[in-house]
Structures are given as structure tokens and as C-alpha cells.
């Protein structure tokens, strides 16, 4: 969608860092539609090695597009490259990562609500489609919604240690867009950060 900015999401960590490219359409249905286009999952890779690959993926698909970054709020604490992950991305790549602490259960439930919601999809002849769509180019993401989380006896989400990184990346993008970004009555251009230093 050329009329929407790109949502780039980050799940930090040395074991399986993750970056995903998506878009959020606030005008689709009651909850908006989240569309995942690409995924990048690392393995035992520091951020100073992983970030350039994520940036290259972004440029290969969306060069020149407005981009909003959302990420793991714990990235403000993580020190895997001598400074926090969020500090590193800003200092070395001028990427301002929006982040908000919110319970995992709440974010997972928001994704589930979007999966079950339907709204007309203009790219498919306005036939109603899920409000959470994943491109076939993201096979690990598709698997992650089968294997990524399970519930304990109290109904709380439990991570599997691998696929959950991809679910979390979507969680940050959805929570960030629905909580911070936009009301459906506001213009789409307000997705673009007005202050490059804060990302808001």
C-alpha cells in the first residue's frame, strides 16, 4: 500500500534477534488491519551484525518510504553491544524505536482479535479478509502462530524460545499502532514521526 508508511519491528537479543516489515491500515474494520510482508530472524547474532542486514532488507523492498520503528521495551535495558539496543540503533543508524511496556497477554489477545476480525480487502476485490494478514514470504511467521506461544494452567502465555520472537515483533507493531499511532478518524500522514529524536 503506497498510501501507508512501513512499520518496522524489532525483537532484540543475541539468541534470535528478529526484524519484520509490515503496514497498519487504521481504516480497515473496527480494529484496523495489520499486514506482515517480510521477516528476518537471526541466530546468535549481535545487534551490530544483525541491524545492517535488517536495514538492507528494508531498503531492498521499501527504499524511500516513511518508516516507523517499534520494538521490545526491554531493548532500552539490554547491553549486548555495550549500550542498550535502542541506544545503539539511534546512535549508529539514526533509527528511533518506539516502545511501550504492556503485558504480554494483552498484546497476544490483541493479535488474536485481529486474526478473527474481518473487513473488506481492496486488493482482493473487497472480499472480507482477516484483519491480520501474513505474506507467504514469511514462512517462519506462519509457523510461529502455531508453535510460538501456549498457555499455562492459568491461561497466561508461555514462550517457546524460538517462534515467540516473531510473534513478539508483531505484538510491538500492533500495540504501538493501536495505542499510540492513530485513531481511525485522523489522517494517515500522522503515522510519520514528527520528531526524529523521539520517534513521535
C-alpha atoms as a PDB file:
ATOM      1  CA  UNK A   1       0.000   0.000   0.000  1.00  0.00           C
ATOM      2  CA  UNK A   2       1.699   3.157  -1.191  1.00  0.00           C
ATOM      3  CA  UNK A   3      -0.533   5.356   0.963  1.00  0.00           C
ATOM      4  CA  UNK A   4       0.689   3.850   4.242  1.00  0.00           C
ATOM      5  CA  UNK A   5       4.071   4.021   5.986  1.00  0.00           C
ATOM      6  CA  UNK A   6       6.107   0.915   6.668  1.00  0.00           C
ATOM      7  CA  UNK A   7       6.032  -0.477  10.194  1.00  0.00           C
ATOM      8  CA  UNK A   8       9.402  -1.997  11.096  1.00  0.00           C
ATOM      9  CA  UNK A   9       9.501  -4.028  14.294  1.00  0.00           C
ATOM     10  CA  UNK A  10      12.417  -5.281  16.376  1.00  0.00           C
ATOM     11  CA  UNK A  11      12.732  -8.054  18.935  1.00  0.00           C
ATOM     12  CA  UNK A  12      16.189  -7.759  20.444  1.00  0.00           C
ATOM     13  CA  UNK A  13      18.520 -10.363  21.897  1.00  0.00           C
ATOM     14  CA  UNK A  14      21.597 -12.354  20.967  1.00  0.00           C
ATOM     15  CA  UNK A  15      19.919 -15.745  20.603  1.00  0.00           C
ATOM     16  CA  UNK A  16      17.279 -14.950  17.968  1.00  0.00           C
ATOM     17  CA  UNK A  17      17.055 -11.253  17.053  1.00  0.00           C
ATOM     18  CA  UNK A  18      14.104 -10.519  14.813  1.00  0.00           C
ATOM     19  CA  UNK A  19      13.059  -7.732  12.465  1.00  0.00           C
ATOM     20  CA  UNK A  20       9.843  -7.596  10.456  1.00  0.00           C
ATOM     21  CA  UNK A  21       8.312  -5.264   7.878  1.00  0.00           C
ATOM     22  CA  UNK A  22       4.593  -4.612   7.923  1.00  0.00           C
ATOM     23  CA  UNK A  23       1.909  -1.985   7.429  1.00  0.00           C
ATOM     24  CA  UNK A  24      -1.052  -0.980   9.547  1.00  0.00           C
ATOM     25  CA  UNK A  25      -4.253   0.256   7.914  1.00  0.00           C
ATOM     26  CA  UNK A  26      -6.299   2.079  10.575  1.00  0.00           C
ATOM     27  CA  UNK A  27      -9.297   2.402   8.271  1.00  0.00           C
ATOM     28  CA  UNK A  28      -9.960  -1.348   7.843  1.00  0.00           C
ATOM     29  CA  UNK A  29     -12.735  -2.591  10.096  1.00  0.00           C
ATOM     30  CA  UNK A  30     -13.095  -1.660  13.727  1.00  0.00           C
ATOM     31  CA  UNK A  31      -9.560  -2.588  14.785  1.00  0.00           C
ATOM     32  CA  UNK A  32      -7.559  -1.828  11.647  1.00  0.00           C
ATOM     33  CA  UNK A  33      -5.623  -4.329   9.546  1.00  0.00           C
ATOM     34  CA  UNK A  34      -2.014  -5.411  10.128  1.00  0.00           C
ATOM     35  CA  UNK A  35      -0.166  -6.782   7.097  1.00  0.00           C
ATOM     36  CA  UNK A  36       3.192  -8.568   7.514  1.00  0.00           C
ATOM     37  CA  UNK A  37       5.405  -8.562   4.404  1.00  0.00           C
ATOM     38  CA  UNK A  38       8.876  -9.777   5.400  1.00  0.00           C
ATOM     39  CA  UNK A  39      10.691 -11.416   8.285  1.00  0.00           C
ATOM     40  CA  UNK A  40      14.329 -11.668   9.330  1.00  0.00           C
ATOM     41  CA  UNK A  41      15.344 -13.972  12.171  1.00  0.00           C
ATOM     42  CA  UNK A  42      18.925 -14.161  13.362  1.00  0.00           C
ATOM     43  CA  UNK A  43      20.778 -16.832  15.309  1.00  0.00           C
ATOM     44  CA  UNK A  44      23.453 -15.981  17.875  1.00  0.00           C
ATOM     45  CA  UNK A  45      23.962 -12.603  16.279  1.00  0.00           C
ATOM     46  CA  UNK A  46      24.811  -9.324  17.958  1.00  0.00           C
ATOM     47  CA  UNK A  47      22.832  -6.242  17.041  1.00  0.00           C
ATOM     48  CA  UNK A  48      25.798  -4.596  15.298  1.00  0.00           C
ATOM     49  CA  UNK A  49      25.782  -7.576  12.916  1.00  0.00           C
ATOM     50  CA  UNK A  50      22.026  -8.030  12.650  1.00  0.00           C
ATOM     51  CA  UNK A  51      20.940  -4.393  12.220  1.00  0.00           C
ATOM     52  CA  UNK A  52      22.755  -3.851   8.877  1.00  0.00           C
ATOM     53  CA  UNK A  53      21.021  -6.935   7.470  1.00  0.00           C
ATOM     54  CA  UNK A  54      17.647  -5.633   8.641  1.00  0.00           C
ATOM     55  CA  UNK A  55      18.343  -2.228   7.107  1.00  0.00           C
ATOM     56  CA  UNK A  56      19.362  -3.869   3.830  1.00  0.00           C
ATOM     57  CA  UNK A  57      16.115  -5.869   3.803  1.00  0.00           C
ATOM     58  CA  UNK A  58      14.164  -2.666   4.347  1.00  0.00           C
ATOM     59  CA  UNK A  59      15.912  -0.778   1.558  1.00  0.00           C
ATOM     60  CA  UNK A  60      15.529  -3.641  -0.903  1.00  0.00           C
ATOM     61  CA  UNK A  61      11.748  -3.503  -0.540  1.00  0.00           C
ATOM     62  CA  UNK A  62      10.804  -0.050   0.699  1.00  0.00           C
ATOM     63  CA  UNK A  63      13.608   2.330  -0.231  1.00  0.00           C
ATOM     64  CA  UNK A  64      12.473   5.914   0.298  1.00  0.00           C
ATOM     65  CA  UNK A  65       9.262   5.009   2.150  1.00  0.00           C
ATOM     66  CA  UNK A  66       8.396   6.597   5.501  1.00  0.00           C
ATOM     67  CA  UNK A  67       9.200   4.101   8.248  1.00  0.00           C
ATOM     68  CA  UNK A  68       8.060   3.887  11.850  1.00  0.00           C
ATOM     69  CA  UNK A  69      10.005   1.602  14.163  1.00  0.00           C
ATOM     70  CA  UNK A  70       8.565  -0.251  17.158  1.00  0.00           C
ATOM     71  CA  UNK A  71      10.480  -2.593  19.409  1.00  0.00           C
ATOM     72  CA  UNK A  72      10.905  -4.549  22.586  1.00  0.00           C
ATOM     73  CA  UNK A  73      10.762  -2.153  25.550  1.00  0.00           C
ATOM     74  CA  UNK A  74      13.458  -4.275  27.211  1.00  0.00           C
ATOM     75  CA  UNK A  75      15.720  -3.065  24.394  1.00  0.00           C
ATOM     76  CA  UNK A  76      16.179   0.049  26.482  1.00  0.00           C
ATOM     77  CA  UNK A  77      17.877  -2.143  29.122  1.00  0.00           C
ATOM     78  CA  UNK A  78      19.721  -4.748  27.047  1.00  0.00           C
ATOM     79  CA  UNK A  79      23.506  -4.261  26.842  1.00  0.00           C
ATOM     80  CA  UNK A  80      24.585  -6.883  24.294  1.00  0.00           C
ATOM     81  CA  UNK A  81      26.721  -4.373  22.338  1.00  0.00           C
ATOM     82  CA  UNK A  82      27.963  -2.243  25.256  1.00  0.00           C
ATOM     83  CA  UNK A  83      24.937   0.061  25.168  1.00  0.00           C
ATOM     84  CA  UNK A  84      21.222  -0.606  25.059  1.00  0.00           C
ATOM     85  CA  UNK A  85      19.827  -1.916  21.790  1.00  0.00           C
ATOM     86  CA  UNK A  86      17.597   1.119  21.378  1.00  0.00           C
ATOM     87  CA  UNK A  87      20.535   3.454  22.058  1.00  0.00           C
ATOM     88  CA  UNK A  88      22.645   1.544  19.544  1.00  0.00           C
ATOM     89  CA  UNK A  89      20.090   1.835  16.732  1.00  0.00           C
ATOM     90  CA  UNK A  90      19.758   5.566  17.274  1.00  0.00           C
ATOM     91  CA  UNK A  91      23.451   6.321  17.749  1.00  0.00           C
ATOM     92  CA  UNK A  92      24.727   4.260  14.821  1.00  0.00           C
ATOM     93  CA  UNK A  93      21.804   4.170  12.371  1.00  0.00           C
ATOM     94  CA  UNK A  94      19.558   7.090  13.392  1.00  0.00           C
ATOM     95  CA  UNK A  95      16.659   4.678  13.919  1.00  0.00           C
ATOM     96  CA  UNK A  96      14.277   5.883  16.633  1.00  0.00           C
ATOM     97  CA  UNK A  97      12.491   2.875  18.127  1.00  0.00           C
ATOM     98  CA  UNK A  98       9.119   3.470  19.759  1.00  0.00           C
ATOM     99  CA  UNK A  99       8.452   1.174  22.698  1.00  0.00           C
ATOM    100  CA  UNK A 100       5.798   0.725  25.332  1.00  0.00           C
ATOM    101  CA  UNK A 101       5.667  -1.698  28.227  1.00  0.00           C
ATOM    102  CA  UNK A 102       2.481  -3.732  28.153  1.00  0.00           C
ATOM    103  CA  UNK A 103       1.602  -7.170  29.474  1.00  0.00           C
ATOM    104  CA  UNK A 104       2.324  -9.988  27.026  1.00  0.00           C
ATOM    105  CA  UNK A 105      -1.143 -11.426  27.495  1.00  0.00           C
ATOM    106  CA  UNK A 106      -2.788  -8.174  26.407  1.00  0.00           C
ATOM    107  CA  UNK A 107      -0.707  -7.948  23.235  1.00  0.00           C
ATOM    108  CA  UNK A 108      -1.279 -11.595  22.297  1.00  0.00           C
ATOM    109  CA  UNK A 109      -5.014 -11.158  22.797  1.00  0.00           C
ATOM    110  CA  UNK A 110      -4.986  -8.101  20.518  1.00  0.00           C
ATOM    111  CA  UNK A 111      -3.378 -10.187  17.766  1.00  0.00           C
ATOM    112  CA  UNK A 112      -5.976 -12.918  18.267  1.00  0.00           C
ATOM    113  CA  UNK A 113      -8.760 -10.358  17.974  1.00  0.00           C
ATOM    114  CA  UNK A 114      -7.356  -9.092  14.689  1.00  0.00           C
ATOM    115  CA  UNK A 115      -6.952 -12.615  13.285  1.00  0.00           C
ATOM    116  CA  UNK A 116     -10.626 -13.304  13.987  1.00  0.00           C
ATOM    117  CA  UNK A 117     -11.865  -9.920  12.730  1.00  0.00           C
ATOM    118  CA  UNK A 118     -12.904  -9.480   9.100  1.00  0.00           C
ATOM    119  CA  UNK A 119     -13.008  -6.411   6.860  1.00  0.00           C
ATOM    120  CA  UNK A 120     -13.166  -5.820   3.082  1.00  0.00           C
ATOM    121  CA  UNK A 121      -9.754  -6.170   1.436  1.00  0.00           C
ATOM    122  CA  UNK A 122      -9.432  -3.925  -1.610  1.00  0.00           C
ATOM    123  CA  UNK A 123      -6.575  -5.955  -3.113  1.00  0.00           C
ATOM    124  CA  UNK A 124      -8.895  -8.950  -3.310  1.00  0.00           C
ATOM    125  CA  UNK A 125     -11.962  -7.323  -4.796  1.00  0.00           C
ATOM    126  CA  UNK A 126     -13.188  -6.020  -1.431  1.00  0.00           C
ATOM    127  CA  UNK A 127     -13.857  -9.576  -0.261  1.00  0.00           C
ATOM    128  CA  UNK A 128     -13.838  -9.713   3.553  1.00  0.00           C
ATOM    129  CA  UNK A 129     -10.499 -10.969   4.848  1.00  0.00           C
ATOM    130  CA  UNK A 130      -8.757 -11.324   8.185  1.00  0.00           C
ATOM    131  CA  UNK A 131      -7.511  -8.123   9.767  1.00  0.00           C
ATOM    132  CA  UNK A 132      -4.165  -9.856  10.302  1.00  0.00           C
ATOM    133  CA  UNK A 133      -2.501 -10.930   7.045  1.00  0.00           C
ATOM    134  CA  UNK A 134       0.899 -12.593   6.505  1.00  0.00           C
ATOM    135  CA  UNK A 135       2.724 -12.757   3.172  1.00  0.00           C
ATOM    136  CA  UNK A 136       3.742 -16.285   2.042  1.00  0.00           C
ATOM    137  CA  UNK A 137       7.325 -14.952   2.026  1.00  0.00           C
ATOM    138  CA  UNK A 138       7.190 -15.196   5.835  1.00  0.00           C
ATOM    139  CA  UNK A 139       7.018 -18.961   6.484  1.00  0.00           C
ATOM    140  CA  UNK A 140       8.514 -18.804   9.986  1.00  0.00           C
ATOM    141  CA  UNK A 141       5.917 -16.222  10.998  1.00  0.00           C
ATOM    142  CA  UNK A 142       3.148 -18.503   9.750  1.00  0.00           C
ATOM    143  CA  UNK A 143       4.575 -21.366  11.809  1.00  0.00           C
ATOM    144  CA  UNK A 144       5.007 -19.079  14.803  1.00  0.00           C
ATOM    145  CA  UNK A 145       1.263 -18.730  15.187  1.00  0.00           C
ATOM    146  CA  UNK A 146       1.048 -22.479  15.580  1.00  0.00           C
ATOM    147  CA  UNK A 147       4.078 -23.070  17.799  1.00  0.00           C
ATOM    148  CA  UNK A 148       5.082 -19.686  19.254  1.00  0.00           C
ATOM    149  CA  UNK A 149       3.011 -19.494  22.419  1.00  0.00           C
ATOM    150  CA  UNK A 150       0.999 -21.852  24.546  1.00  0.00           C
ATOM    151  CA  UNK A 151      -0.994 -21.198  27.710  1.00  0.00           C
ATOM    152  CA  UNK A 152      -0.248 -22.381  31.211  1.00  0.00           C
ATOM    153  CA  UNK A 153      -2.869 -23.662  33.640  1.00  0.00           C
ATOM    154  CA  UNK A 154      -3.858 -20.092  34.493  1.00  0.00           C
ATOM    155  CA  UNK A 155      -4.326 -19.077  30.860  1.00  0.00           C
ATOM    156  CA  UNK A 156      -1.170 -16.983  30.676  1.00  0.00           C
ATOM    157  CA  UNK A 157       1.004 -17.062  27.521  1.00  0.00           C
ATOM    158  CA  UNK A 158       4.209 -19.097  27.746  1.00  0.00           C
ATOM    159  CA  UNK A 159       7.009 -18.596  25.207  1.00  0.00           C
ATOM    160  CA  UNK A 160       8.584 -21.490  23.307  1.00  0.00           C
ATOM    161  CA  UNK A 161      12.009 -19.801  22.992  1.00  0.00           C
ATOM    162  CA  UNK A 162      12.153 -19.624  19.185  1.00  0.00           C
ATOM    163  CA  UNK A 163       8.930 -18.834  17.353  1.00  0.00           C
ATOM    164  CA  UNK A 164       7.792 -16.420  20.046  1.00  0.00           C
ATOM    165  CA  UNK A 165      10.326 -13.843  18.809  1.00  0.00           C
ATOM    166  CA  UNK A 166       8.321 -13.420  15.602  1.00  0.00           C
ATOM    167  CA  UNK A 167       5.033 -13.158  17.473  1.00  0.00           C
ATOM    168  CA  UNK A 168       6.575 -10.579  19.796  1.00  0.00           C
ATOM    169  CA  UNK A 169       7.758  -8.472  16.861  1.00  0.00           C
ATOM    170  CA  UNK A 170       4.173  -8.341  15.570  1.00  0.00           C
ATOM    171  CA  UNK A 171       2.937  -7.612  19.072  1.00  0.00           C
ATOM    172  CA  UNK A 172       5.104  -4.493  19.343  1.00  0.00           C
ATOM    173  CA  UNK A 173       3.882  -3.204  15.994  1.00  0.00           C
ATOM    174  CA  UNK A 174       0.214  -3.817  16.702  1.00  0.00           C
ATOM    175  CA  UNK A 175       0.278  -2.456  20.243  1.00  0.00           C
ATOM    176  CA  UNK A 176       2.312   0.548  19.104  1.00  0.00           C
ATOM    177  CA  UNK A 177       0.000   1.411  16.237  1.00  0.00           C
ATOM    178  CA  UNK A 178      -3.259   0.841  18.046  1.00  0.00           C
ATOM    179  CA  UNK A 179      -2.242   2.542  21.279  1.00  0.00           C
ATOM    180  CA  UNK A 180      -0.065   5.396  20.045  1.00  0.00           C
ATOM    181  CA  UNK A 181      -0.366   5.894  16.412  1.00  0.00           C
ATOM    182  CA  UNK A 182      -3.676   6.776  15.158  1.00  0.00           C
ATOM    183  CA  UNK A 183      -7.330   6.967  15.665  1.00  0.00           C
ATOM    184  CA  UNK A 184      -9.272   5.931  12.582  1.00  0.00           C
ATOM    185  CA  UNK A 185     -10.529   9.487  12.292  1.00  0.00           C
ATOM    186  CA  UNK A 186      -7.045  11.014  11.952  1.00  0.00           C
ATOM    187  CA  UNK A 187      -5.163  11.419   8.729  1.00  0.00           C
ATOM    188  CA  UNK A 188      -2.757   8.676   7.689  1.00  0.00           C
ATOM    189  CA  UNK A 189       0.177  11.070   7.412  1.00  0.00           C
ATOM    190  CA  UNK A 190       0.236  11.398  11.191  1.00  0.00           C
ATOM    191  CA  UNK A 191       1.851   7.995  11.318  1.00  0.00           C
ATOM    192  CA  UNK A 192       5.086   9.706  10.350  1.00  0.00           C
ATOM    193  CA  UNK A 193       7.114  10.698  13.443  1.00  0.00           C
ATOM    194  CA  UNK A 194       7.135  14.453  13.891  1.00  0.00           C
ATOM    195  CA  UNK A 195      10.314  14.387  15.949  1.00  0.00           C
ATOM    196  CA  UNK A 196      13.142  12.211  14.663  1.00  0.00           C
ATOM    197  CA  UNK A 197      14.758  12.148  18.102  1.00  0.00           C
ATOM    198  CA  UNK A 198      11.785  10.636  19.943  1.00  0.00           C
ATOM    199  CA  UNK A 199      10.057   8.877  17.039  1.00  0.00           C
ATOM    200  CA  UNK A 200       6.724  10.510  17.967  1.00  0.00           C
END
